[in-house]
Amino acid sequence: MFPVGKTMEKRTLTPAEIGAVVRAVRKAQNLRQNQLAGAAGVGLRFVVDLEAGKATAQLGKKLQVLQALGCSLEIMRPPERTV
């Protein structure tokens, strides 16, 4: 699990790791799953599945949850290839 408030190194995260981060941040903010679901505009089942690391969770809804928690997601482009 990643410590809350720490910067993670840039790498590919698994669905389980994203779920663990969401759970840790939610708990650090003293939110119940249903409160987070309401704040993010998603269903309780989605938050439960996201925290459990379900791989099929929708990206758009994941972004809503991360935004509701005040988290951000950074996508890095690969370096350009020179031929």
PDB file of N, CA and C in Angstrom:
ATOM      1  N   MET A   1       0.838  -1.172   0.000  1.00  0.00           N
ATOM      2  CA  MET A   1       0.000   0.000   0.000  1.00  0.00           C
ATOM      3  C   MET A   1       0.888   1.241   0.000  1.00  0.00           C
ATOM      4  N   PHE A   2       0.395   2.313  -0.591  1.00  0.00           N
ATOM      5  CA  PHE A   2       1.150   3.548  -0.657  1.00  0.00           C
ATOM      6  C   PHE A   2       0.777   4.435   0.510  1.00  0.00           C
ATOM      7  N   PRO A   3       1.743   5.041   1.168  1.00  0.00           N
ATOM      8  CA  PRO A   3       1.426   5.949   2.272  1.00  0.00           C
ATOM      9  C   PRO A   3       0.677   7.168   1.758  1.00  0.00           C
ATOM     10  N   VAL A   4      -0.345   7.576   2.496  1.00  0.00           N
ATOM     11  CA  VAL A   4      -1.116   8.753   2.128  1.00  0.00           C
ATOM     12  C   VAL A   4      -0.229   9.977   2.294  1.00  0.00           C
ATOM     13  N   GLY A   5      -0.274  10.874   1.325  1.00  0.00           N
ATOM     14  CA  GLY A   5       0.499  12.098   1.399  1.00  0.00           C
ATOM     15  C   GLY A   5       1.905  11.964   0.841  1.00  0.00           C
ATOM     16  N   LYS A   6       2.290  10.789   0.446  1.00  0.00           N
ATOM     17  CA  LYS A   6       3.616  10.575  -0.137  1.00  0.00           C
ATOM     18  C   LYS A   6       3.489  10.570  -1.652  1.00  0.00           C
ATOM     19  N   THR A   7       4.505  11.018  -2.331  1.00  0.00           N
ATOM     20  CA  THR A   7       4.521  10.978  -3.781  1.00  0.00           C
ATOM     21  C   THR A   7       5.022   9.611  -4.218  1.00  0.00           C
ATOM     22  N   MET A   8       4.289   8.995  -5.123  1.00  0.00           N
ATOM     23  CA  MET A   8       4.687   7.694  -5.625  1.00  0.00           C
ATOM     24  C   MET A   8       5.626   7.887  -6.798  1.00  0.00           C
ATOM     25  N   GLU A   9       6.517   6.944  -6.983  1.00  0.00           N
ATOM     26  CA  GLU A   9       7.353   6.993  -8.168  1.00  0.00           C
ATOM     27  C   GLU A   9       6.460   6.766  -9.378  1.00  0.00           C
ATOM     28  N   LYS A  10       6.877   7.256 -10.515  1.00  0.00           N
ATOM     29  CA  LYS A  10       6.073   7.126 -11.721  1.00  0.00           C
ATOM     30  C   LYS A  10       6.245   5.735 -12.295  1.00  0.00           C
ATOM     31  N   ARG A  11       5.135   5.008 -12.343  1.00  0.00           N
ATOM     32  CA  ARG A  11       5.136   3.666 -12.892  1.00  0.00           C
ATOM     33  C   ARG A  11       3.696   3.267 -13.158  1.00  0.00           C
ATOM     34  N   THR A  12       3.498   2.124 -13.741  1.00  0.00           N
ATOM     35  CA  THR A  12       2.156   1.639 -14.028  1.00  0.00           C
ATOM     36  C   THR A  12       1.551   1.038 -12.769  1.00  0.00           C
ATOM     37  N   LEU A  13       0.348   1.480 -12.434  1.00  0.00           N
ATOM     38  CA  LEU A  13      -0.349   0.951 -11.268  1.00  0.00           C
ATOM     39  C   LEU A  13      -1.326  -0.139 -11.696  1.00  0.00           C
ATOM     40  N   THR A  14      -1.505  -1.123 -10.852  1.00  0.00           N
ATOM     41  CA  THR A  14      -2.502  -2.153 -11.097  1.00  0.00           C
ATOM     42  C   THR A  14      -3.844  -1.668 -10.549  1.00  0.00           C
ATOM     43  N   PRO A  15      -4.961  -2.269 -10.991  1.00  0.00           N
ATOM     44  CA  PRO A  15      -6.259  -1.913 -10.419  1.00  0.00           C
ATOM     45  C   PRO A  15      -6.285  -2.101  -8.897  1.00  0.00           C
ATOM     46  N   ALA A  16      -5.622  -3.132  -8.395  1.00  0.00           N
ATOM     47  CA  ALA A  16      -5.586  -3.366  -6.946  1.00  0.00           C
ATOM     48  C   ALA A  16      -4.847  -2.245  -6.223  1.00  0.00           C
ATOM     49  N   GLU A  17      -3.764  -1.743  -6.831  1.00  0.00           N
ATOM     50  CA  GLU A  17      -3.007  -0.653  -6.206  1.00  0.00           C
ATOM     51  C   GLU A  17      -3.814   0.646  -6.210  1.00  0.00           C
ATOM     52  N   ILE A  18      -4.528   0.907  -7.304  1.00  0.00           N
ATOM     53  CA  ILE A  18      -5.394   2.096  -7.345  1.00  0.00           C
ATOM     54  C   ILE A  18      -6.471   1.980  -6.271  1.00  0.00           C
ATOM     55  N   GLY A  19      -7.058   0.811  -6.146  1.00  0.00           N
ATOM     56  CA  GLY A  19      -8.072   0.598  -5.112  1.00  0.00           C
ATOM     57  C   GLY A  19      -7.527   0.809  -3.721  1.00  0.00           C
ATOM     58  N   ALA A  20      -6.300   0.357  -3.480  1.00  0.00           N
ATOM     59  CA  ALA A  20      -5.684   0.532  -2.159  1.00  0.00           C
ATOM     60  C   ALA A  20      -5.440   2.012  -1.862  1.00  0.00           C
ATOM     61  N   VAL A  21      -5.045   2.775  -2.872  1.00  0.00           N
ATOM     62  CA  VAL A  21      -4.832   4.210  -2.682  1.00  0.00           C
ATOM     63  C   VAL A  21      -6.161   4.883  -2.370  1.00  0.00           C
ATOM     64  N   VAL A  22      -7.191   4.553  -3.132  1.00  0.00           N
ATOM     65  CA  VAL A  22      -8.518   5.144  -2.896  1.00  0.00           C
ATOM     66  C   VAL A  22      -8.983   4.831  -1.473  1.00  0.00           C
ATOM     67  N   ARG A  23      -8.853   3.578  -1.060  1.00  0.00           N
ATOM     68  CA  ARG A  23      -9.278   3.182   0.290  1.00  0.00           C
ATOM     69  C   ARG A  23      -8.496   3.948   1.350  1.00  0.00           C
ATOM     70  N   ALA A  24      -7.178   4.043   1.197  1.00  0.00           N
ATOM     71  CA  ALA A  24      -6.343   4.721   2.191  1.00  0.00           C
ATOM     72  C   ALA A  24      -6.690   6.208   2.296  1.00  0.00           C
ATOM     73  N   VAL A  25      -6.874   6.858   1.159  1.00  0.00           N
ATOM     74  CA  VAL A  25      -7.201   8.285   1.176  1.00  0.00           C
ATOM     75  C   VAL A  25      -8.600   8.489   1.756  1.00  0.00           C
ATOM     76  N   ARG A  26      -9.546   7.640   1.367  1.00  0.00           N
ATOM     77  CA  ARG A  26     -10.914   7.748   1.905  1.00  0.00           C
ATOM     78  C   ARG A  26     -10.898   7.630   3.419  1.00  0.00           C
ATOM     79  N   LYS A  27     -10.196   6.633   3.930  1.00  0.00           N
ATOM     80  CA  LYS A  27     -10.137   6.431   5.381  1.00  0.00           C
ATOM     81  C   LYS A  27      -9.416   7.580   6.076  1.00  0.00           C
ATOM     82  N   ALA A  28      -8.362   8.106   5.458  1.00  0.00           N
ATOM     83  CA  ALA A  28      -7.634   9.237   6.032  1.00  0.00           C
ATOM     84  C   ALA A  28      -8.531  10.471   6.125  1.00  0.00           C
ATOM     85  N   GLN A  29      -9.509  10.562   5.231  1.00  0.00           N
ATOM     86  CA  GLN A  29     -10.452  11.680   5.239  1.00  0.00           C
ATOM     87  C   GLN A  29     -11.702  11.370   6.055  1.00  0.00           C
ATOM     88  N   ASN A  30     -11.679  10.242   6.762  1.00  0.00           N
ATOM     89  CA  ASN A  30     -12.800   9.818   7.615  1.00  0.00           C
ATOM     90  C   ASN A  30     -14.127   9.757   6.861  1.00  0.00           C
ATOM     91  N   LEU A  31     -14.072   9.212   5.658  1.00  0.00           N
ATOM     92  CA  LEU A  31     -15.272   9.046   4.851  1.00  0.00           C
ATOM     93  C   LEU A  31     -15.668   7.580   4.809  1.00  0.00           C
ATOM     94  N   ARG A  32     -16.961   7.328   4.860  1.00  0.00           N
ATOM     95  CA  ARG A  32     -17.473   5.980   4.623  1.00  0.00           C
ATOM     96  C   ARG A  32     -17.611   5.809   3.111  1.00  0.00           C
ATOM     97  N   GLN A  33     -17.667   4.576   2.669  1.00  0.00           N
ATOM     98  CA  GLN A  33     -17.778   4.309   1.240  1.00  0.00           C
ATOM     99  C   GLN A  33     -19.013   4.968   0.636  1.00  0.00           C
ATOM    100  N   ASN A  34     -20.137   4.934   1.334  1.00  0.00           N
ATOM    101  CA  ASN A  34     -21.345   5.543   0.787  1.00  0.00           C
ATOM    102  C   ASN A  34     -21.227   7.066   0.711  1.00  0.00           C
ATOM    103  N   GLN A  35     -20.477   7.671   1.621  1.00  0.00           N
ATOM    104  CA  GLN A  35     -20.258   9.117   1.559  1.00  0.00           C
ATOM    105  C   GLN A  35     -19.400   9.480   0.346  1.00  0.00           C
ATOM    106  N   LEU A  36     -18.362   8.694   0.109  1.00  0.00           N
ATOM    107  CA  LEU A  36     -17.515   8.932  -1.056  1.00  0.00           C
ATOM    108  C   LEU A  36     -18.314   8.745  -2.341  1.00  0.00           C
ATOM    109  N   ALA A  37     -19.121   7.708  -2.386  1.00  0.00           N
ATOM    110  CA  ALA A  37     -19.947   7.463  -3.573  1.00  0.00           C
ATOM    111  C   ALA A  37     -20.852   8.661  -3.852  1.00  0.00           C
ATOM    112  N   GLY A  38     -21.483   9.204  -2.821  1.00  0.00           N
ATOM    113  CA  GLY A  38     -22.352  10.367  -2.999  1.00  0.00           C
ATOM    114  C   GLY A  38     -21.584  11.591  -3.458  1.00  0.00           C
ATOM    115  N   ALA A  39     -20.412  11.828  -2.869  1.00  0.00           N
ATOM    116  CA  ALA A  39     -19.601  12.992  -3.231  1.00  0.00           C
ATOM    117  C   ALA A  39     -19.092  12.891  -4.663  1.00  0.00           C
ATOM    118  N   ALA A  40     -18.832  11.669  -5.122  1.00  0.00           N
ATOM    119  CA  ALA A  40     -18.287  11.459  -6.457  1.00  0.00           C
ATOM    120  C   ALA A  40     -19.373  11.284  -7.519  1.00  0.00           C
ATOM    121  N   GLY A  41     -20.615  11.103  -7.093  1.00  0.00           N
ATOM    122  CA  GLY A  41     -21.697  10.893  -8.046  1.00  0.00           C
ATOM    123  C   GLY A  41     -21.693   9.511  -8.671  1.00  0.00           C
ATOM    124  N   VAL A  42     -21.213   8.533  -7.910  1.00  0.00           N
ATOM    125  CA  VAL A  42     -21.205   7.141  -8.378  1.00  0.00           C
ATOM    126  C   VAL A  42     -21.948   6.288  -7.353  1.00  0.00           C
ATOM    127  N   GLY A  43     -22.223   5.053  -7.710  1.00  0.00           N
ATOM    128  CA  GLY A  43     -22.919   4.160  -6.798  1.00  0.00           C
ATOM    129  C   GLY A  43     -21.984   3.535  -5.768  1.00  0.00           C
ATOM    130  N   LEU A  44     -22.576   3.125  -4.655  1.00  0.00           N
ATOM    131  CA  LEU A  44     -21.810   2.465  -3.595  1.00  0.00           C
ATOM    132  C   LEU A  44     -21.105   1.223  -4.125  1.00  0.00           C
ATOM    133  N   ARG A  45     -21.780   0.425  -4.941  1.00  0.00           N
ATOM    134  CA  ARG A  45     -21.186  -0.801  -5.496  1.00  0.00           C
ATOM    135  C   ARG A  45     -19.920  -0.472  -6.283  1.00  0.00           C
ATOM    136  N   PHE A  46     -19.911   0.665  -7.004  1.00  0.00           N
ATOM    137  CA  PHE A  46     -18.727   1.049  -7.766  1.00  0.00           C
ATOM    138  C   PHE A  46     -17.548   1.300  -6.831  1.00  0.00           C
ATOM    139  N   VAL A  47     -17.774   2.021  -5.738  1.00  0.00           N
ATOM    140  CA  VAL A  47     -16.692   2.303  -4.792  1.00  0.00           C
ATOM    141  C   VAL A  47     -16.180   1.010  -4.168  1.00  0.00           C
ATOM    142  N   VAL A  48     -17.083   0.121  -3.804  1.00  0.00           N
ATOM    143  CA  VAL A  48     -16.692  -1.169  -3.233  1.00  0.00           C
ATOM    144  C   VAL A  48     -15.820  -1.938  -4.223  1.00  0.00           C
ATOM    145  N   ASP A  49     -16.266  -2.016  -5.475  1.00  0.00           N
ATOM    146  CA  ASP A  49     -15.511  -2.734  -6.504  1.00  0.00           C
ATOM    147  C   ASP A  49     -14.165  -2.062  -6.790  1.00  0.00           C
ATOM    148  N   LEU A  50     -14.145  -0.735  -6.832  1.00  0.00           N
ATOM    149  CA  LEU A  50     -12.906   0.000  -7.079  1.00  0.00           C
ATOM    150  C   LEU A  50     -11.885  -0.289  -5.989  1.00  0.00           C
ATOM    151  N   GLU A  51     -12.312  -0.205  -4.737  1.00  0.00           N
ATOM    152  CA  GLU A  51     -11.400  -0.471  -3.621  1.00  0.00           C
ATOM    153  C   GLU A  51     -10.940  -1.921  -3.592  1.00  0.00           C
ATOM    154  N   ALA A  52     -11.756  -2.818  -4.122  1.00  0.00           N
ATOM    155  CA  ALA A  52     -11.388  -4.236  -4.168  1.00  0.00           C
ATOM    156  C   ALA A  52     -10.453  -4.543  -5.338  1.00  0.00           C
ATOM    157  N   GLY A  53     -10.198  -3.553  -6.197  1.00  0.00           N
ATOM    158  CA  GLY A  53      -9.282  -3.753  -7.305  1.00  0.00           C
ATOM    159  C   GLY A  53      -9.904  -4.390  -8.525  1.00  0.00           C
ATOM    160  N   LYS A  54     -11.218  -4.276  -8.665  1.00  0.00           N
ATOM    161  CA  LYS A  54     -11.882  -4.858  -9.823  1.00  0.00           C
ATOM    162  C   LYS A  54     -11.367  -4.196 -11.096  1.00  0.00           C
ATOM    163  N   ALA A  55     -10.867  -4.988 -11.999  1.00  0.00           N
ATOM    164  CA  ALA A  55     -10.201  -4.480 -13.201  1.00  0.00           C
ATOM    165  C   ALA A  55     -11.162  -3.852 -14.202  1.00  0.00           C
ATOM    166  N   THR A  56     -12.436  -4.177 -14.137  1.00  0.00           N
ATOM    167  CA  THR A  56     -13.374  -3.688 -15.142  1.00  0.00           C
ATOM    168  C   THR A  56     -14.032  -2.366 -14.757  1.00  0.00           C
ATOM    169  N   ALA A  57     -13.638  -1.773 -13.645  1.00  0.00           N
ATOM    170  CA  ALA A  57     -14.229  -0.502 -13.223  1.00  0.00           C
ATOM    171  C   ALA A  57     -13.983   0.559 -14.300  1.00  0.00           C
ATOM    172  N   GLN A  58     -15.000   1.360 -14.589  1.00  0.00           N
ATOM    173  CA  GLN A  58     -14.934   2.357 -15.655  1.00  0.00           C
ATOM    174  C   GLN A  58     -13.973   3.488 -15.321  1.00  0.00           C
ATOM    175  N   LEU A  59     -13.147   3.863 -16.287  1.00  0.00           N
ATOM    176  CA  LEU A  59     -12.149   4.904 -16.077  1.00  0.00           C
ATOM    177  C   LEU A  59     -12.790   6.246 -15.720  1.00  0.00           C
ATOM    178  N   GLY A  60     -13.857   6.607 -16.406  1.00  0.00           N
ATOM    179  CA  GLY A  60     -14.520   7.883 -16.122  1.00  0.00           C
ATOM    180  C   GLY A  60     -14.988   7.971 -14.676  1.00  0.00           C
ATOM    181  N   LYS A  61     -15.550   6.902 -14.177  1.00  0.00           N
ATOM    182  CA  LYS A  61     -16.009   6.888 -12.784  1.00  0.00           C
ATOM    183  C   LYS A  61     -14.826   6.880 -11.821  1.00  0.00           C
ATOM    184  N   LYS A  62     -13.743   6.177 -12.193  1.00  0.00           N
ATOM    185  CA  LYS A  62     -12.545   6.200 -11.348  1.00  0.00           C
ATOM    186  C   LYS A  62     -12.050   7.631 -11.207  1.00  0.00           C
ATOM    187  N   LEU A  63     -12.036   8.365 -12.306  1.00  0.00           N
ATOM    188  CA  LEU A  63     -11.579   9.749 -12.278  1.00  0.00           C
ATOM    189  C   LEU A  63     -12.487  10.607 -11.399  1.00  0.00           C
ATOM    190  N   GLN A  64     -13.801  10.357 -11.428  1.00  0.00           N
ATOM    191  CA  GLN A  64     -14.728  11.088 -10.570  1.00  0.00           C
ATOM    192  C   GLN A  64     -14.399  10.844  -9.096  1.00  0.00           C
ATOM    193  N   VAL A  65     -14.133   9.606  -8.734  1.00  0.00           N
ATOM    194  CA  VAL A  65     -13.810   9.258  -7.352  1.00  0.00           C
ATOM    195  C   VAL A  65     -12.497   9.917  -6.943  1.00  0.00           C
ATOM    196  N   LEU A  66     -11.480   9.823  -7.792  1.00  0.00           N
ATOM    197  CA  LEU A  66     -10.200  10.441  -7.470  1.00  0.00           C
ATOM    198  C   LEU A  66     -10.354  11.945  -7.281  1.00  0.00           C
ATOM    199  N   GLN A  67     -11.138  12.597  -8.135  1.00  0.00           N
ATOM    200  CA  GLN A  67     -11.357  14.029  -8.016  1.00  0.00           C
ATOM    201  C   GLN A  67     -12.084  14.363  -6.712  1.00  0.00           C
ATOM    202  N   ALA A  68     -13.076  13.559  -6.343  1.00  0.00           N
ATOM    203  CA  ALA A  68     -13.818  13.798  -5.100  1.00  0.00           C
ATOM    204  C   ALA A  68     -12.905  13.698  -3.882  1.00  0.00           C
ATOM    205  N   LEU A  69     -11.864  12.867  -3.974  1.00  0.00           N
ATOM    206  CA  LEU A  69     -10.911  12.717  -2.878  1.00  0.00           C
ATOM    207  C   LEU A  69      -9.804  13.767  -2.921  1.00  0.00           C
ATOM    208  N   GLY A  70      -9.750  14.551  -3.997  1.00  0.00           N
ATOM    209  CA  GLY A  70      -8.692  15.538  -4.140  1.00  0.00           C
ATOM    210  C   GLY A  70      -7.406  14.957  -4.703  1.00  0.00           C
ATOM    211  N   CYS A  71      -7.497  13.761  -5.277  1.00  0.00           N
ATOM    212  CA  CYS A  71      -6.333  13.103  -5.882  1.00  0.00           C
ATOM    213  C   CYS A  71      -6.244  13.489  -7.353  1.00  0.00           C
ATOM    214  N   SER A  72      -5.091  13.267  -7.925  1.00  0.00           N
ATOM    215  CA  SER A  72      -4.934  13.506  -9.350  1.00  0.00           C
ATOM    216  C   SER A  72      -4.249  12.305  -9.974  1.00  0.00           C
ATOM    217  N   LEU A  73      -4.364  12.223 -11.270  1.00  0.00           N
ATOM    218  CA  LEU A  73      -3.784  11.131 -12.021  1.00  0.00           C
ATOM    219  C   LEU A  73      -2.951  11.743 -13.131  1.00  0.00           C
ATOM    220  N   GLU A  74      -1.730  11.313 -13.262  1.00  0.00           N
ATOM    221  CA  GLU A  74      -0.846  11.849 -14.289  1.00  0.00           C
ATOM    222  C   GLU A  74      -0.545  10.767 -15.305  1.00  0.00           C
ATOM    223  N   ILE A  75      -0.667  11.129 -16.564  1.00  0.00           N
ATOM    224  CA  ILE A  75      -0.341  10.202 -17.650  1.00  0.00           C
ATOM    225  C   ILE A  75       0.865  10.769 -18.368  1.00  0.00           C
ATOM    226  N   MET A  76       1.870   9.943 -18.515  1.00  0.00           N
ATOM    227  CA  MET A  76       3.098  10.373 -19.160  1.00  0.00           C
ATOM    228  C   MET A  76       3.172   9.764 -20.551  1.00  0.00           C
ATOM    229  N   ARG A  77       3.515  10.576 -21.534  1.00  0.00           N
ATOM    230  CA  ARG A  77       3.736  10.063 -22.884  1.00  0.00           C
ATOM    231  C   ARG A  77       5.093   9.378 -22.918  1.00  0.00           C
ATOM    232  N   PRO A  78       5.202   8.332 -23.700  1.00  0.00           N
ATOM    233  CA  PRO A  78       6.526   7.706 -23.847  1.00  0.00           C
ATOM    234  C   PRO A  78       7.440   8.653 -24.608  1.00  0.00           C
ATOM    235  N   PRO A  79       8.737   8.545 -24.405  1.00  0.00           N
ATOM    236  CA  PRO A  79       9.658   9.405 -25.156  1.00  0.00           C
ATOM    237  C   PRO A  79       9.524   9.136 -26.655  1.00  0.00           C
ATOM    238  N   GLU A  80       9.701  10.184 -27.426  1.00  0.00           N
ATOM    239  CA  GLU A  80       9.623  10.023 -28.885  1.00  0.00           C
ATOM    240  C   GLU A  80      10.784   9.181 -29.361  1.00  0.00           C
ATOM    241  N   ARG A  81      10.486   8.334 -30.306  1.00  0.00           N
ATOM    242  CA  ARG A  81      11.525   7.469 -30.877  1.00  0.00           C
ATOM    243  C   ARG A  81      12.229   8.204 -32.005  1.00  0.00           C
ATOM    244  N   THR A  82      13.505   8.046 -32.029  1.00  0.00           N
ATOM    245  CA  THR A  82      14.272   8.570 -33.164  1.00  0.00           C
ATOM    246  C   THR A  82      14.725   7.385 -33.999  1.00  0.00           C
ATOM    247  N   VAL A  83      14.473   7.466 -35.262  1.00  0.00           N
ATOM    248  CA  VAL A  83      14.785   6.341 -36.149  1.00  0.00           C
ATOM    249  C   VAL A  83      16.025   6.611 -36.945  1.00  0.00           C
TER     250      VAL A  83
END
